[in-house]
């Protein structure tokens, strides 16, 4: 059997100052931005629907568009952190 050799390298930091800490975005800001994106997406799809089909968009479809737009927005906002 061959023996595996593992070498551990010691990594030293040359930076004298630490990077600024980042805190997660507050819940109320995430909710407000997500709600605004949902409403804007529903409104824009409603305008597009009316322009194409000359009829109002069904409410269930408008709600689905808003919900579908909310999921990636929420996930994106979870990853954004503000500097402290």
PDB file of N, CA and C in Angstrom:
ATOM      1  N   UNK A   1       0.836  -1.196   0.000  1.00  0.00           N
ATOM      2  CA  UNK A   1       0.000   0.000   0.000  1.00  0.00           C
ATOM      3  C   UNK A   1       0.866   1.240   0.000  1.00  0.00           C
ATOM      4  N   UNK A   2       0.425   2.134  -0.754  1.00  0.00           N
ATOM      5  CA  UNK A   2       1.154   3.397  -0.815  1.00  0.00           C
ATOM      6  C   UNK A   2       0.639   4.331   0.272  1.00  0.00           C
ATOM      7  N   UNK A   3       1.538   4.977   0.887  1.00  0.00           N
ATOM      8  CA  UNK A   3       1.163   5.932   1.938  1.00  0.00           C
ATOM      9  C   UNK A   3       0.983   7.306   1.312  1.00  0.00           C
ATOM     10  N   UNK A   4      -0.056   7.951   1.720  1.00  0.00           N
ATOM     11  CA  UNK A   4      -0.299   9.301   1.239  1.00  0.00           C
ATOM     12  C   UNK A   4       0.360  10.295   2.173  1.00  0.00           C
ATOM     13  N   UNK A   5       0.979  11.231   1.581  1.00  0.00           N
ATOM     14  CA  UNK A   5       1.667  12.235   2.365  1.00  0.00           C
ATOM     15  C   UNK A   5       0.859  13.527   2.293  1.00  0.00           C
ATOM     16  N   UNK A   6       0.503  14.054   3.434  1.00  0.00           N
ATOM     17  CA  UNK A   6      -0.278  15.291   3.489  1.00  0.00           C
ATOM     18  C   UNK A   6       0.595  16.372   4.088  1.00  0.00           C
ATOM     19  N   UNK A   7       0.726  17.427   3.351  1.00  0.00           N
ATOM     20  CA  UNK A   7       1.510  18.550   3.831  1.00  0.00           C
ATOM     21  C   UNK A   7       0.550  19.680   4.201  1.00  0.00           C
ATOM     22  N   UNK A   8       0.777  20.230   5.345  1.00  0.00           N
ATOM     23  CA  UNK A   8      -0.050  21.336   5.798  1.00  0.00           C
ATOM     24  C   UNK A   8       0.785  22.593   5.704  1.00  0.00           C
ATOM     25  N   UNK A   9       0.262  23.548   4.965  1.00  0.00           N
ATOM     26  CA  UNK A   9       0.956  24.814   4.818  1.00  0.00           C
ATOM     27  C   UNK A   9       0.356  25.830   5.781  1.00  0.00           C
ATOM     28  N   UNK A  10       1.215  26.531   6.429  1.00  0.00           N
ATOM     29  CA  UNK A  10       0.755  27.545   7.359  1.00  0.00           C
ATOM     30  C   UNK A  10       0.541  28.842   6.570  1.00  0.00           C
ATOM     31  N   UNK A  11      -0.678  29.362   6.681  1.00  0.00           N
ATOM     32  CA  UNK A  11      -1.026  30.580   5.965  1.00  0.00           C
ATOM     33  C   UNK A  11      -1.076  31.712   6.977  1.00  0.00           C
ATOM     34  N   UNK A  12      -0.318  32.737   6.693  1.00  0.00           N
ATOM     35  CA  UNK A  12      -0.326  33.890   7.584  1.00  0.00           C
ATOM     36  C   UNK A  12      -0.961  35.061   6.870  1.00  0.00           C
ATOM     37  N   UNK A  13      -1.651  35.842   7.632  1.00  0.00           N
ATOM     38  CA  UNK A  13      -2.323  37.004   7.077  1.00  0.00           C
ATOM     39  C   UNK A  13      -1.384  38.194   7.128  1.00  0.00           C
ATOM     40  N   UNK A  14      -1.266  38.882   5.999  1.00  0.00           N
ATOM     41  CA  UNK A  14      -0.411  40.065   5.964  1.00  0.00           C
ATOM     42  C   UNK A  14      -1.210  41.341   6.176  1.00  0.00           C
ATOM     43  N   UNK A  15      -2.531  41.223   6.154  1.00  0.00           N
ATOM     44  CA  UNK A  15      -3.365  42.408   6.339  1.00  0.00           C
ATOM     45  C   UNK A  15      -3.346  42.821   7.801  1.00  0.00           C
ATOM     46  N   UNK A  16      -3.170  44.112   8.033  1.00  0.00           N
ATOM     47  CA  UNK A  16      -3.125  44.610   9.399  1.00  0.00           C
ATOM     48  C   UNK A  16      -4.511  44.944   9.930  1.00  0.00           C
ATOM     49  N   UNK A  17      -5.431  45.215   9.043  1.00  0.00           N
ATOM     50  CA  UNK A  17      -6.793  45.540   9.474  1.00  0.00           C
ATOM     51  C   UNK A  17      -7.746  44.482   8.958  1.00  0.00           C
ATOM     52  N   UNK A  18      -8.771  44.220   9.725  1.00  0.00           N
ATOM     53  CA  UNK A  18      -9.776  43.249   9.310  1.00  0.00           C
ATOM     54  C   UNK A  18     -10.783  43.910   8.382  1.00  0.00           C
ATOM     55  N   UNK A  19     -11.398  43.101   7.563  1.00  0.00           N
ATOM     56  CA  UNK A  19     -12.446  43.613   6.677  1.00  0.00           C
ATOM     57  C   UNK A  19     -13.641  44.027   7.529  1.00  0.00           C
ATOM     58  N   UNK A  20     -14.389  45.040   7.088  1.00  0.00           N
ATOM     59  CA  UNK A  20     -15.553  45.456   7.876  1.00  0.00           C
ATOM     60  C   UNK A  20     -16.582  44.337   7.956  1.00  0.00           C
ATOM     61  N   UNK A  21     -17.173  44.192   9.125  1.00  0.00           N
ATOM     62  CA  UNK A  21     -18.179  43.152   9.312  1.00  0.00           C
ATOM     63  C   UNK A  21     -19.446  43.541   8.577  1.00  0.00           C
ATOM     64  N   UNK A  22     -20.118  42.553   8.078  1.00  0.00           N
ATOM     65  CA  UNK A  22     -21.364  42.803   7.354  1.00  0.00           C
ATOM     66  C   UNK A  22     -22.502  42.119   8.101  1.00  0.00           C
ATOM     67  N   UNK A  23     -23.590  42.838   8.234  1.00  0.00           N
ATOM     68  CA  UNK A  23     -24.765  42.302   8.920  1.00  0.00           C
ATOM     69  C   UNK A  23     -25.867  42.060   7.905  1.00  0.00           C
ATOM     70  N   UNK A  24     -26.734  41.102   8.173  1.00  0.00           N
ATOM     71  CA  UNK A  24     -27.823  40.844   7.229  1.00  0.00           C
ATOM     72  C   UNK A  24     -28.799  42.017   7.172  1.00  0.00           C
ATOM     73  N   UNK A  25     -29.443  42.147   6.028  1.00  0.00           N
ATOM     74  CA  UNK A  25     -30.435  43.197   5.849  1.00  0.00           C
ATOM     75  C   UNK A  25     -31.606  42.934   6.805  1.00  0.00           C
ATOM     76  N   UNK A  26     -32.126  43.974   7.457  1.00  0.00           N
ATOM     77  CA  UNK A  26     -33.250  43.766   8.381  1.00  0.00           C
ATOM     78  C   UNK A  26     -34.479  43.193   7.673  1.00  0.00           C
ATOM     79  N   UNK A  27     -35.262  42.465   8.441  1.00  0.00           N
ATOM     80  CA  UNK A  27     -36.440  41.794   7.897  1.00  0.00           C
ATOM     81  C   UNK A  27     -37.407  42.784   7.262  1.00  0.00           C
ATOM     82  N   UNK A  28     -37.644  43.925   7.904  1.00  0.00           N
ATOM     83  CA  UNK A  28     -38.629  44.874   7.378  1.00  0.00           C
ATOM     84  C   UNK A  28     -38.193  45.430   6.030  1.00  0.00           C
ATOM     85  N   UNK A  29     -36.891  45.606   5.812  1.00  0.00           N
ATOM     86  CA  UNK A  29     -36.419  46.090   4.514  1.00  0.00           C
ATOM     87  C   UNK A  29     -36.593  45.031   3.434  1.00  0.00           C
ATOM     88  N   UNK A  30     -36.283  43.776   3.775  1.00  0.00           N
ATOM     89  CA  UNK A  30     -36.471  42.691   2.804  1.00  0.00           C
ATOM     90  C   UNK A  30     -37.937  42.553   2.428  1.00  0.00           C
ATOM     91  N   UNK A  31     -38.825  42.636   3.428  1.00  0.00           N
ATOM     92  CA  UNK A  31     -40.264  42.524   3.151  1.00  0.00           C
ATOM     93  C   UNK A  31     -40.745  43.663   2.263  1.00  0.00           C
ATOM     94  N   UNK A  32     -40.295  44.885   2.556  1.00  0.00           N
ATOM     95  CA  UNK A  32     -40.730  46.044   1.782  1.00  0.00           C
ATOM     96  C   UNK A  32     -40.254  45.963   0.336  1.00  0.00           C
ATOM     97  N   UNK A  33     -39.002  45.600   0.131  1.00  0.00           N
ATOM     98  CA  UNK A  33     -38.462  45.491  -1.229  1.00  0.00           C
ATOM     99  C   UNK A  33     -39.138  44.355  -1.985  1.00  0.00           C
ATOM    100  N   UNK A  34     -39.353  43.224  -1.316  1.00  0.00           N
ATOM    101  CA  UNK A  34     -40.013  42.088  -1.958  1.00  0.00           C
ATOM    102  C   UNK A  34     -41.439  42.436  -2.352  1.00  0.00           C
ATOM    103  N   UNK A  35     -42.161  43.127  -1.487  1.00  0.00           N
ATOM    104  CA  UNK A  35     -43.531  43.542  -1.797  1.00  0.00           C
ATOM    105  C   UNK A  35     -43.554  44.498  -2.983  1.00  0.00           C
ATOM    106  N   UNK A  36     -42.611  45.426  -3.025  1.00  0.00           N
ATOM    107  CA  UNK A  36     -42.544  46.368  -4.143  1.00  0.00           C
ATOM    108  C   UNK A  36     -42.254  45.643  -5.457  1.00  0.00           C
ATOM    109  N   UNK A  37     -41.357  44.666  -5.432  1.00  0.00           N
ATOM    110  CA  UNK A  37     -41.044  43.895  -6.644  1.00  0.00           C
ATOM    111  C   UNK A  37     -42.254  43.083  -7.091  1.00  0.00           C
ATOM    112  N   UNK A  38     -42.978  42.491  -6.131  1.00  0.00           N
ATOM    113  CA  UNK A  38     -44.175  41.710  -6.472  1.00  0.00           C
ATOM    114  C   UNK A  38     -45.224  42.589  -7.150  1.00  0.00           C
ATOM    115  N   UNK A  39     -45.484  43.752  -6.574  1.00  0.00           N
ATOM    116  CA  UNK A  39     -46.490  44.648  -7.139  1.00  0.00           C
ATOM    117  C   UNK A  39     -46.071  45.169  -8.508  1.00  0.00           C
ATOM    118  N   UNK A  40     -44.800  45.534  -8.638  1.00  0.00           N
ATOM    119  CA  UNK A  40     -44.310  46.042  -9.917  1.00  0.00           C
ATOM    120  C   UNK A  40     -44.370  44.961 -10.999  1.00  0.00           C
ATOM    121  N   UNK A  41     -43.975  43.747 -10.665  1.00  0.00           N
ATOM    122  CA  UNK A  41     -44.009  42.653 -11.646  1.00  0.00           C
ATOM    123  C   UNK A  41     -45.448  42.358 -12.068  1.00  0.00           C
ATOM    124  N   UNK A  42     -46.366  42.307 -11.110  1.00  0.00           N
ATOM    125  CA  UNK A  42     -47.772  42.045 -11.439  1.00  0.00           C
ATOM    126  C   UNK A  42     -48.345  43.150 -12.321  1.00  0.00           C
ATOM    127  N   UNK A  43     -48.009  44.396 -12.001  1.00  0.00           N
ATOM    128  CA  UNK A  43     -48.523  45.531 -12.777  1.00  0.00           C
ATOM    129  C   UNK A  43     -47.983  45.506 -14.209  1.00  0.00           C
ATOM    130  N   UNK A  44     -46.675  45.281 -14.343  1.00  0.00           N
ATOM    131  CA  UNK A  44     -46.081  45.272 -15.679  1.00  0.00           C
ATOM    132  C   UNK A  44     -46.596  44.108 -16.529  1.00  0.00           C
ATOM    133  N   UNK A  45     -46.755  42.939 -15.932  1.00  0.00           N
ATOM    134  CA  UNK A  45     -47.304  41.806 -16.683  1.00  0.00           C
ATOM    135  C   UNK A  45     -48.758  42.074 -17.044  1.00  0.00           C
ATOM    136  N   UNK A  46     -49.486  42.738 -16.156  1.00  0.00           N
ATOM    137  CA  UNK A  46     -50.870  43.108 -16.466  1.00  0.00           C
ATOM    138  C   UNK A  46     -50.956  44.059 -17.651  1.00  0.00           C
ATOM    139  N   UNK A  47     -50.060  45.044 -17.690  1.00  0.00           N
ATOM    140  CA  UNK A  47     -50.028  45.961 -18.839  1.00  0.00           C
ATOM    141  C   UNK A  47     -49.661  45.235 -20.133  1.00  0.00           C
ATOM    142  N   UNK A  48     -48.686  44.359 -20.051  1.00  0.00           N
ATOM    143  CA  UNK A  48     -48.277  43.585 -21.225  1.00  0.00           C
ATOM    144  C   UNK A  48     -49.409  42.683 -21.712  1.00  0.00           C
ATOM    145  N   UNK A  49     -50.081  42.039 -20.775  1.00  0.00           N
ATOM    146  CA  UNK A  49     -51.204  41.156 -21.105  1.00  0.00           C
ATOM    147  C   UNK A  49     -52.313  41.947 -21.811  1.00  0.00           C
ATOM    148  N   UNK A  50     -52.631  43.122 -21.255  1.00  0.00           N
ATOM    149  CA  UNK A  50     -53.697  43.935 -21.839  1.00  0.00           C
ATOM    150  C   UNK A  50     -53.303  44.444 -23.228  1.00  0.00           C
ATOM    151  N   UNK A  51     -52.029  44.756 -23.408  1.00  0.00           N
ATOM    152  CA  UNK A  51     -51.572  45.233 -24.705  1.00  0.00           C
ATOM    153  C   UNK A  51     -51.624  44.115 -25.750  1.00  0.00           C
ATOM    154  N   UNK A  52     -51.302  42.887 -25.350  1.00  0.00           N
ATOM    155  CA  UNK A  52     -51.288  41.766 -26.297  1.00  0.00           C
ATOM    156  C   UNK A  52     -52.698  41.245 -26.564  1.00  0.00           C
ATOM    157  N   UNK A  53     -53.478  40.996 -25.507  1.00  0.00           N
ATOM    158  CA  UNK A  53     -54.769  40.331 -25.643  1.00  0.00           C
ATOM    159  C   UNK A  53     -55.965  41.262 -25.560  1.00  0.00           C
ATOM    160  N   UNK A  54     -55.765  42.540 -25.309  1.00  0.00           N
ATOM    161  CA  UNK A  54     -56.834  43.529 -25.125  1.00  0.00           C
ATOM    162  C   UNK A  54     -57.910  43.035 -24.148  1.00  0.00           C
ATOM    163  N   UNK A  55     -57.486  42.431 -23.080  1.00  0.00           N
ATOM    164  CA  UNK A  55     -58.377  41.972 -22.013  1.00  0.00           C
ATOM    165  C   UNK A  55     -57.591  42.035 -20.702  1.00  0.00           C
ATOM    166  N   UNK A  56     -58.321  42.000 -19.593  1.00  0.00           N
ATOM    167  CA  UNK A  56     -57.648  42.028 -18.295  1.00  0.00           C
ATOM    168  C   UNK A  56     -57.022  40.673 -17.984  1.00  0.00           C
ATOM    169  N   UNK A  57     -55.919  40.720 -17.257  1.00  0.00           N
ATOM    170  CA  UNK A  57     -55.244  39.489 -16.868  1.00  0.00           C
ATOM    171  C   UNK A  57     -56.053  38.826 -15.748  1.00  0.00           C
ATOM    172  N   UNK A  58     -56.212  37.513 -15.777  1.00  0.00           N
ATOM    173  CA  UNK A  58     -56.903  36.834 -14.670  1.00  0.00           C
ATOM    174  C   UNK A  58     -56.150  37.047 -13.359  1.00  0.00           C
ATOM    175  N   UNK A  59     -56.901  37.195 -12.279  1.00  0.00           N
ATOM    176  CA  UNK A  59     -56.278  37.525 -10.992  1.00  0.00           C
ATOM    177  C   UNK A  59     -55.345  36.419 -10.501  1.00  0.00           C
ATOM    178  N   UNK A  60     -55.697  35.162 -10.768  1.00  0.00           N
ATOM    179  CA  UNK A  60     -54.824  34.075 -10.322  1.00  0.00           C
ATOM    180  C   UNK A  60     -53.487  34.115 -11.049  1.00  0.00           C
ATOM    181  N   UNK A  61     -53.498  34.523 -12.309  1.00  0.00           N
ATOM    182  CA  UNK A  61     -52.261  34.614 -13.072  1.00  0.00           C
ATOM    183  C   UNK A  61     -51.411  35.783 -12.586  1.00  0.00           C
ATOM    184  N   UNK A  62     -52.056  36.873 -12.267  1.00  0.00           N
ATOM    185  CA  UNK A  62     -51.335  38.022 -11.728  1.00  0.00           C
ATOM    186  C   UNK A  62     -50.695  37.686 -10.384  1.00  0.00           C
ATOM    187  N   UNK A  63     -51.416  36.961  -9.549  1.00  0.00           N
ATOM    188  CA  UNK A  63     -50.867  36.534  -8.265  1.00  0.00           C
ATOM    189  C   UNK A  63     -49.709  35.571  -8.430  1.00  0.00           C
ATOM    190  N   UNK A  64     -49.819  34.699  -9.410  1.00  0.00           N
ATOM    191  CA  UNK A  64     -48.731  33.746  -9.666  1.00  0.00           C
ATOM    192  C   UNK A  64     -47.471  34.475 -10.122  1.00  0.00           C
ATOM    193  N   UNK A  65     -47.633  35.480 -10.959  1.00  0.00           N
ATOM    194  CA  UNK A  65     -46.475  36.257 -11.423  1.00  0.00           C
ATOM    195  C   UNK A  65     -45.820  36.969 -10.242  1.00  0.00           C
ATOM    196  N   UNK A  66     -46.638  37.556  -9.371  1.00  0.00           N
ATOM    197  CA  UNK A  66     -46.093  38.225  -8.198  1.00  0.00           C
ATOM    198  C   UNK A  66     -45.373  37.261  -7.272  1.00  0.00           C
ATOM    199  N   UNK A  67     -45.949  36.092  -7.051  1.00  0.00           N
ATOM    200  CA  UNK A  67     -45.315  35.094  -6.191  1.00  0.00           C
ATOM    201  C   UNK A  67     -44.035  34.546  -6.770  1.00  0.00           C
ATOM    202  N   UNK A  68     -44.041  34.313  -8.065  1.00  0.00           N
ATOM    203  CA  UNK A  68     -42.840  33.792  -8.716  1.00  0.00           C
ATOM    204  C   UNK A  68     -41.720  34.825  -8.697  1.00  0.00           C
ATOM    205  N   UNK A  69     -42.067  36.095  -8.818  1.00  0.00           N
ATOM    206  CA  UNK A  69     -41.033  37.133  -8.764  1.00  0.00           C
ATOM    207  C   UNK A  69     -40.521  37.353  -7.345  1.00  0.00           C
ATOM    208  N   UNK A  70     -41.331  37.004  -6.345  1.00  0.00           N
ATOM    209  CA  UNK A  70     -40.927  37.233  -4.954  1.00  0.00           C
ATOM    210  C   UNK A  70     -39.842  36.260  -4.496  1.00  0.00           C
ATOM    211  N   UNK A  71     -39.890  35.035  -4.971  1.00  0.00           N
ATOM    212  CA  UNK A  71     -38.939  34.021  -4.497  1.00  0.00           C
ATOM    213  C   UNK A  71     -37.495  34.379  -4.837  1.00  0.00           C
ATOM    214  N   UNK A  72     -37.150  34.669  -6.098  1.00  0.00           N
ATOM    215  CA  UNK A  72     -35.749  35.029  -6.356  1.00  0.00           C
ATOM    216  C   UNK A  72     -35.351  36.356  -5.716  1.00  0.00           C
ATOM    217  N   UNK A  73     -36.304  37.284  -5.593  1.00  0.00           N
ATOM    218  CA  UNK A  73     -35.997  38.556  -4.946  1.00  0.00           C
ATOM    219  C   UNK A  73     -35.631  38.330  -3.487  1.00  0.00           C
ATOM    220  N   UNK A  74     -36.414  37.523  -2.781  1.00  0.00           N
ATOM    221  CA  UNK A  74     -36.148  37.232  -1.372  1.00  0.00           C
ATOM    222  C   UNK A  74     -34.797  36.545  -1.206  1.00  0.00           C
ATOM    223  N   UNK A  75     -34.512  35.573  -2.065  1.00  0.00           N
ATOM    224  CA  UNK A  75     -33.239  34.865  -1.976  1.00  0.00           C
ATOM    225  C   UNK A  75     -32.065  35.806  -2.250  1.00  0.00           C
ATOM    226  N   UNK A  76     -32.239  36.702  -3.203  1.00  0.00           N
ATOM    227  CA  UNK A  76     -31.190  37.667  -3.506  1.00  0.00           C
ATOM    228  C   UNK A  76     -30.957  38.599  -2.321  1.00  0.00           C
ATOM    229  N   UNK A  77     -32.040  39.057  -1.701  1.00  0.00           N
ATOM    230  CA  UNK A  77     -31.913  39.982  -0.575  1.00  0.00           C
ATOM    231  C   UNK A  77     -31.323  39.307   0.655  1.00  0.00           C
ATOM    232  N   UNK A  78     -31.474  38.007   0.782  1.00  0.00           N
ATOM    233  CA  UNK A  78     -30.844  37.293   1.899  1.00  0.00           C
ATOM    234  C   UNK A  78     -29.329  37.300   1.771  1.00  0.00           C
ATOM    235  N   UNK A  79     -28.838  37.347   0.557  1.00  0.00           N
ATOM    236  CA  UNK A  79     -27.397  37.309   0.325  1.00  0.00           C
ATOM    237  C   UNK A  79     -26.740  38.679   0.431  1.00  0.00           C
ATOM    238  N   UNK A  80     -27.527  39.729   0.297  1.00  0.00           N
ATOM    239  CA  UNK A  80     -26.983  41.083   0.399  1.00  0.00           C
ATOM    240  C   UNK A  80     -26.775  41.414   1.866  1.00  0.00           C
ATOM    241  N   UNK A  81     -25.625  41.903   2.165  1.00  0.00           N
ATOM    242  CA  UNK A  81     -25.329  42.294   3.545  1.00  0.00           C
ATOM    243  C   UNK A  81     -24.838  43.726   3.536  1.00  0.00           C
ATOM    244  N   UNK A  82     -25.212  44.472   4.569  1.00  0.00           N
ATOM    245  CA  UNK A  82     -24.782  45.861   4.645  1.00  0.00           C
ATOM    246  C   UNK A  82     -23.545  45.963   5.521  1.00  0.00           C
ATOM    247  N   UNK A  83     -22.714  46.977   5.241  1.00  0.00           N
ATOM    248  CA  UNK A  83     -21.517  47.192   6.038  1.00  0.00           C
ATOM    249  C   UNK A  83     -21.904  47.752   7.389  1.00  0.00           C
ATOM    250  N   UNK A  84     -21.156  47.376   8.386  1.00  0.00           N
ATOM    251  CA  UNK A  84     -21.465  47.869   9.722  1.00  0.00           C
ATOM    252  C   UNK A  84     -20.460  48.898  10.152  1.00  0.00           C
TER     253      UNK A  84
END
